[in-house]
Amino acid sequence: MNNEEKILQLLEAQQEEFRKINDRLEKLEEHAEVTRAGVNSLLDWAEECGNVIKFPLPKVK
């Protein structure tokens, strides 16, 4: 195996690692969206509860 073949093999391995990393990042982005939606729902619920029980809960900034 000459140097060019070795370099090509290394580049192919590196590209595969980049693909794996990109897959993980996409999953993290999906989970972040779900978490954000859940947190926003909880904040809305807390605000409604504060209005219903006449006890103002602190606003989250």
PDB file of N, CA and C in Angstrom:
ATOM      1  N   MET A   1       0.857  -1.172   0.000  1.00  0.00           N
ATOM      2  CA  MET A   1       0.000   0.000   0.000  1.00  0.00           C
ATOM      3  C   MET A   1       0.905   1.239   0.000  1.00  0.00           C
ATOM      4  N   ASN A   2       0.683   2.096  -0.990  1.00  0.00           N
ATOM      5  CA  ASN A   2       1.513   3.301  -1.054  1.00  0.00           C
ATOM      6  C   ASN A   2       0.905   4.424  -0.202  1.00  0.00           C
ATOM      7  N   ASN A   3       1.611   5.519  -0.136  1.00  0.00           N
ATOM      8  CA  ASN A   3       1.182   6.633   0.715  1.00  0.00           C
ATOM      9  C   ASN A   3      -0.167   7.202   0.296  1.00  0.00           C
ATOM     10  N   GLU A   4      -0.410   7.305  -0.993  1.00  0.00           N
ATOM     11  CA  GLU A   4      -1.688   7.841  -1.466  1.00  0.00           C
ATOM     12  C   GLU A   4      -2.853   6.964  -1.018  1.00  0.00           C
ATOM     13  N   GLU A   5      -2.675   5.670  -1.089  1.00  0.00           N
ATOM     14  CA  GLU A   5      -3.733   4.755  -0.654  1.00  0.00           C
ATOM     15  C   GLU A   5      -3.963   4.862   0.852  1.00  0.00           C
ATOM     16  N   LYS A   6      -2.879   5.015   1.598  1.00  0.00           N
ATOM     17  CA  LYS A   6      -2.997   5.184   3.051  1.00  0.00           C
ATOM     18  C   LYS A   6      -3.759   6.469   3.382  1.00  0.00           C
ATOM     19  N   ILE A   7      -3.425   7.539   2.680  1.00  0.00           N
ATOM     20  CA  ILE A   7      -4.105   8.821   2.908  1.00  0.00           C
ATOM     21  C   ILE A   7      -5.578   8.707   2.567  1.00  0.00           C
ATOM     22  N   LEU A   8      -5.899   8.071   1.454  1.00  0.00           N
ATOM     23  CA  LEU A   8      -7.304   7.887   1.079  1.00  0.00           C
ATOM     24  C   LEU A   8      -8.048   7.055   2.116  1.00  0.00           C
ATOM     25  N   GLN A   9      -7.405   6.038   2.619  1.00  0.00           N
ATOM     26  CA  GLN A   9      -8.028   5.203   3.638  1.00  0.00           C
ATOM     27  C   GLN A   9      -8.287   6.013   4.912  1.00  0.00           C
ATOM     28  N   LEU A  10      -7.330   6.825   5.305  1.00  0.00           N
ATOM     29  CA  LEU A  10      -7.512   7.681   6.488  1.00  0.00           C
ATOM     30  C   LEU A  10      -8.633   8.692   6.277  1.00  0.00           C
ATOM     31  N   LEU A  11      -8.702   9.275   5.091  1.00  0.00           N
ATOM     32  CA  LEU A  11      -9.755  10.250   4.806  1.00  0.00           C
ATOM     33  C   LEU A  11     -11.135   9.596   4.824  1.00  0.00           C
ATOM     34  N   GLU A  12     -11.231   8.393   4.295  1.00  0.00           N
ATOM     35  CA  GLU A  12     -12.509   7.679   4.324  1.00  0.00           C
ATOM     36  C   GLU A  12     -12.931   7.370   5.754  1.00  0.00           C
ATOM     37  N   ALA A  13     -11.988   6.967   6.579  1.00  0.00           N
ATOM     38  CA  ALA A  13     -12.288   6.687   7.986  1.00  0.00           C
ATOM     39  C   ALA A  13     -12.726   7.970   8.691  1.00  0.00           C
ATOM     40  N   GLN A  14     -12.075   9.065   8.366  1.00  0.00           N
ATOM     41  CA  GLN A  14     -12.430  10.347   8.976  1.00  0.00           C
ATOM     42  C   GLN A  14     -13.835  10.778   8.548  1.00  0.00           C
ATOM     43  N   GLN A  15     -14.171  10.585   7.296  1.00  0.00           N
ATOM     44  CA  GLN A  15     -15.510  10.934   6.826  1.00  0.00           C
ATOM     45  C   GLN A  15     -16.573  10.107   7.533  1.00  0.00           C
ATOM     46  N   GLU A  16     -16.302   8.845   7.763  1.00  0.00           N
ATOM     47  CA  GLU A  16     -17.259   7.996   8.482  1.00  0.00           C
ATOM     48  C   GLU A  16     -17.457   8.488   9.909  1.00  0.00           C
ATOM     49  N   GLU A  17     -16.379   8.901  10.560  1.00  0.00           N
ATOM     50  CA  GLU A  17     -16.498   9.454  11.909  1.00  0.00           C
ATOM     51  C   GLU A  17     -17.322  10.743  11.904  1.00  0.00           C
ATOM     52  N   PHE A  18     -17.127  11.587  10.905  1.00  0.00           N
ATOM     53  CA  PHE A  18     -17.911  12.811  10.793  1.00  0.00           C
ATOM     54  C   PHE A  18     -19.396  12.497  10.607  1.00  0.00           C
ATOM     55  N   ARG A  19     -19.700  11.464   9.835  1.00  0.00           N
ATOM     56  CA  ARG A  19     -21.094  11.057   9.649  1.00  0.00           C
ATOM     57  C   ARG A  19     -21.716  10.627  10.974  1.00  0.00           C
ATOM     58  N   LYS A  20     -20.971   9.874  11.760  1.00  0.00           N
ATOM     59  CA  LYS A  20     -21.465   9.430  13.068  1.00  0.00           C
ATOM     60  C   LYS A  20     -21.717  10.631  13.985  1.00  0.00           C
ATOM     61  N   ILE A  21     -20.800  11.573  13.981  1.00  0.00           N
ATOM     62  CA  ILE A  21     -20.948  12.765  14.817  1.00  0.00           C
ATOM     63  C   ILE A  21     -22.165  13.570  14.377  1.00  0.00           C
ATOM     64  N   ASN A  22     -22.363  13.719  13.080  1.00  0.00           N
ATOM     65  CA  ASN A  22     -23.523  14.455  12.573  1.00  0.00           C
ATOM     66  C   ASN A  22     -24.826  13.779  12.958  1.00  0.00           C
ATOM     67  N   ASP A  23     -24.859  12.448  12.929  1.00  0.00           N
ATOM     68  CA  ASP A  23     -26.053  11.721  13.360  1.00  0.00           C
ATOM     69  C   ASP A  23     -26.367  12.007  14.822  1.00  0.00           C
ATOM     70  N   ARG A  24     -25.336  12.010  15.658  1.00  0.00           N
ATOM     71  CA  ARG A  24     -25.549  12.292  17.084  1.00  0.00           C
ATOM     72  C   ARG A  24     -26.035  13.714  17.274  1.00  0.00           C
ATOM     73  N   LEU A  25     -25.471  14.657  16.526  1.00  0.00           N
ATOM     74  CA  LEU A  25     -25.894  16.050  16.670  1.00  0.00           C
ATOM     75  C   LEU A  25     -27.357  16.228  16.275  1.00  0.00           C
ATOM     76  N   GLU A  26     -27.785  15.533  15.229  1.00  0.00           N
ATOM     77  CA  GLU A  26     -29.180  15.620  14.812  1.00  0.00           C
ATOM     78  C   GLU A  26     -30.096  15.093  15.901  1.00  0.00           C
ATOM     79  N   LYS A  27     -29.708  14.005  16.546  1.00  0.00           N
ATOM     80  CA  LYS A  27     -30.517  13.462  17.640  1.00  0.00           C
ATOM     81  C   LYS A  27     -30.569  14.431  18.810  1.00  0.00           C
ATOM     82  N   LEU A  28     -29.438  15.056  19.125  1.00  0.00           N
ATOM     83  CA  LEU A  28     -29.410  16.038  20.208  1.00  0.00           C
ATOM     84  C   LEU A  28     -30.314  17.225  19.904  1.00  0.00           C
ATOM     85  N   GLU A  29     -30.313  17.668  18.657  1.00  0.00           N
ATOM     86  CA  GLU A  29     -31.178  18.790  18.267  1.00  0.00           C
ATOM     87  C   GLU A  29     -32.646  18.413  18.429  1.00  0.00           C
ATOM     88  N   GLU A  30     -33.011  17.186  18.045  1.00  0.00           N
ATOM     89  CA  GLU A  30     -34.388  16.734  18.205  1.00  0.00           C
ATOM     90  C   GLU A  30     -34.774  16.705  19.684  1.00  0.00           C
ATOM     91  N   HIS A  31     -33.887  16.175  20.523  1.00  0.00           N
ATOM     92  CA  HIS A  31     -34.174  16.109  21.953  1.00  0.00           C
ATOM     93  C   HIS A  31     -34.264  17.506  22.560  1.00  0.00           C
ATOM     94  N   ALA A  32     -33.450  18.417  22.087  1.00  0.00           N
ATOM     95  CA  ALA A  32     -33.494  19.793  22.598  1.00  0.00           C
ATOM     96  C   ALA A  32     -34.834  20.444  22.260  1.00  0.00           C
ATOM     97  N   GLU A  33     -35.363  20.180  21.069  1.00  0.00           N
ATOM     98  CA  GLU A  33     -36.662  20.735  20.692  1.00  0.00           C
ATOM     99  C   GLU A  33     -37.766  20.186  21.591  1.00  0.00           C
ATOM    100  N   VAL A  34     -37.727  18.892  21.872  1.00  0.00           N
ATOM    101  CA  VAL A  34     -38.729  18.272  22.742  1.00  0.00           C
ATOM    102  C   VAL A  34     -38.627  18.855  24.148  1.00  0.00           C
ATOM    103  N   THR A  35     -37.409  18.991  24.651  1.00  0.00           N
ATOM    104  CA  THR A  35     -37.199  19.541  25.987  1.00  0.00           C
ATOM    105  C   THR A  35     -37.678  20.983  26.065  1.00  0.00           C
ATOM    106  N   ARG A  36     -37.365  21.769  25.045  1.00  0.00           N
ATOM    107  CA  ARG A  36     -37.793  23.169  25.015  1.00  0.00           C
ATOM    108  C   ARG A  36     -39.315  23.273  25.036  1.00  0.00           C
ATOM    109  N   ALA A  37     -39.977  22.438  24.256  1.00  0.00           N
ATOM    110  CA  ALA A  37     -41.431  22.458  24.219  1.00  0.00           C
ATOM    111  C   ALA A  37     -42.006  22.074  25.584  1.00  0.00           C
ATOM    112  N   GLY A  38     -41.405  21.083  26.230  1.00  0.00           N
ATOM    113  CA  GLY A  38     -41.868  20.667  27.556  1.00  0.00           C
ATOM    114  C   GLY A  38     -41.698  21.759  28.591  1.00  0.00           C
ATOM    115  N   VAL A  39     -40.559  22.421  28.560  1.00  0.00           N
ATOM    116  CA  VAL A  39     -40.300  23.507  29.515  1.00  0.00           C
ATOM    117  C   VAL A  39     -41.278  24.654  29.280  1.00  0.00           C
ATOM    118  N   ASN A  40     -41.527  24.994  28.027  1.00  0.00           N
ATOM    119  CA  ASN A  40     -42.479  26.066  27.736  1.00  0.00           C
ATOM    120  C   ASN A  40     -43.875  25.708  28.217  1.00  0.00           C
ATOM    121  N   SER A  41     -44.266  24.447  28.061  1.00  0.00           N
ATOM    122  CA  SER A  41     -45.571  24.007  28.559  1.00  0.00           C
ATOM    123  C   SER A  41     -45.648  24.129  30.072  1.00  0.00           C
ATOM    124  N   LEU A  42     -44.587  23.733  30.756  1.00  0.00           N
ATOM    125  CA  LEU A  42     -44.562  23.847  32.218  1.00  0.00           C
ATOM    126  C   LEU A  42     -44.627  25.304  32.663  1.00  0.00           C
ATOM    127  N   LEU A  43     -43.938  26.179  31.962  1.00  0.00           N
ATOM    128  CA  LEU A  43     -43.986  27.600  32.319  1.00  0.00           C
ATOM    129  C   LEU A  43     -45.386  28.172  32.115  1.00  0.00           C
ATOM    130  N   ASP A  44     -46.038  27.793  31.021  1.00  0.00           N
ATOM    131  CA  ASP A  44     -47.415  28.236  30.791  1.00  0.00           C
ATOM    132  C   ASP A  44     -48.340  27.719  31.884  1.00  0.00           C
ATOM    133  N   TRP A  45     -48.172  26.449  32.240  1.00  0.00           N
ATOM    134  CA  TRP A  45     -48.998  25.842  33.286  1.00  0.00           C
ATOM    135  C   TRP A  45     -48.784  26.565  34.625  1.00  0.00           C
ATOM    136  N   ALA A  46     -47.531  26.846  34.971  1.00  0.00           N
ATOM    137  CA  ALA A  46     -47.223  27.531  36.228  1.00  0.00           C
ATOM    138  C   ALA A  46     -47.849  28.924  36.254  1.00  0.00           C
ATOM    139  N   GLU A  47     -47.826  29.598  35.114  1.00  0.00           N
ATOM    140  CA  GLU A  47     -48.430  30.927  35.046  1.00  0.00           C
ATOM    141  C   GLU A  47     -49.944  30.844  35.243  1.00  0.00           C
ATOM    142  N   GLU A  48     -50.577  29.866  34.615  1.00  0.00           N
ATOM    143  CA  GLU A  48     -52.022  29.676  34.785  1.00  0.00           C
ATOM    144  C   GLU A  48     -52.366  29.322  36.225  1.00  0.00           C
ATOM    145  N   CYS A  49     -51.568  28.462  36.845  1.00  0.00           N
ATOM    146  CA  CYS A  49     -51.813  28.095  38.241  1.00  0.00           C
ATOM    147  C   CYS A  49     -51.691  29.312  39.146  1.00  0.00           C
ATOM    148  N   GLY A  50     -50.726  30.145  38.867  1.00  0.00           N
ATOM    149  CA  GLY A  50     -50.548  31.357  39.665  1.00  0.00           C
ATOM    150  C   GLY A  50     -51.752  32.270  39.562  1.00  0.00           C
ATOM    151  N   ASN A  51     -52.379  32.337  38.391  1.00  0.00           N
ATOM    152  CA  ASN A  51     -53.569  33.165  38.223  1.00  0.00           C
ATOM    153  C   ASN A  51     -54.784  32.543  38.908  1.00  0.00           C
ATOM    154  N   VAL A  52     -54.887  31.224  38.887  1.00  0.00           N
ATOM    155  CA  VAL A  52     -56.057  30.538  39.440  1.00  0.00           C
ATOM    156  C   VAL A  52     -56.050  30.579  40.952  1.00  0.00           C
ATOM    157  N   ILE A  53     -54.918  30.369  41.572  1.00  0.00           N
ATOM    158  CA  ILE A  53     -54.892  30.290  43.030  1.00  0.00           C
ATOM    159  C   ILE A  53     -54.653  31.651  43.684  1.00  0.00           C
ATOM    160  N   LYS A  54     -54.627  32.680  42.903  1.00  0.00           N
ATOM    161  CA  LYS A  54     -54.435  34.054  43.402  1.00  0.00           C
ATOM    162  C   LYS A  54     -53.148  34.214  44.189  1.00  0.00           C
ATOM    163  N   PHE A  55     -52.182  33.426  43.834  1.00  0.00           N
ATOM    164  CA  PHE A  55     -50.865  33.527  44.448  1.00  0.00           C
ATOM    165  C   PHE A  55     -49.869  33.675  43.318  1.00  0.00           C
ATOM    166  N   PRO A  56     -49.376  34.864  43.119  1.00  0.00           N
ATOM    167  CA  PRO A  56     -48.506  35.076  41.967  1.00  0.00           C
ATOM    168  C   PRO A  56     -47.179  34.336  42.100  1.00  0.00           C
ATOM    169  N   LEU A  57     -46.935  33.489  41.142  1.00  0.00           N
ATOM    170  CA  LEU A  57     -45.654  32.797  41.097  1.00  0.00           C
ATOM    171  C   LEU A  57     -44.648  33.734  40.399  1.00  0.00           C
ATOM    172  N   PRO A  58     -43.392  33.642  40.789  1.00  0.00           N
ATOM    173  CA  PRO A  58     -42.386  34.533  40.175  1.00  0.00           C
ATOM    174  C   PRO A  58     -42.268  34.245  38.680  1.00  0.00           C
ATOM    175  N   LYS A  59     -42.119  35.312  37.917  1.00  0.00           N
ATOM    176  CA  LYS A  59     -41.918  35.187  36.465  1.00  0.00           C
ATOM    177  C   LYS A  59     -40.512  34.682  36.199  1.00  0.00           C
ATOM    178  N   VAL A  60     -40.388  33.773  35.257  1.00  0.00           N
ATOM    179  CA  VAL A  60     -39.088  33.267  34.852  1.00  0.00           C
ATOM    180  C   VAL A  60     -38.594  34.114  33.687  1.00  0.00           C
ATOM    181  N   LYS A  61     -37.395  34.620  33.825  1.00  0.00           N
ATOM    182  CA  LYS A  61     -36.856  35.492  32.777  1.00  0.00           C
ATOM    183  C   LYS A  61     -35.811  34.776  31.990  1.00  0.00           C
TER     184      LYS A  61
END
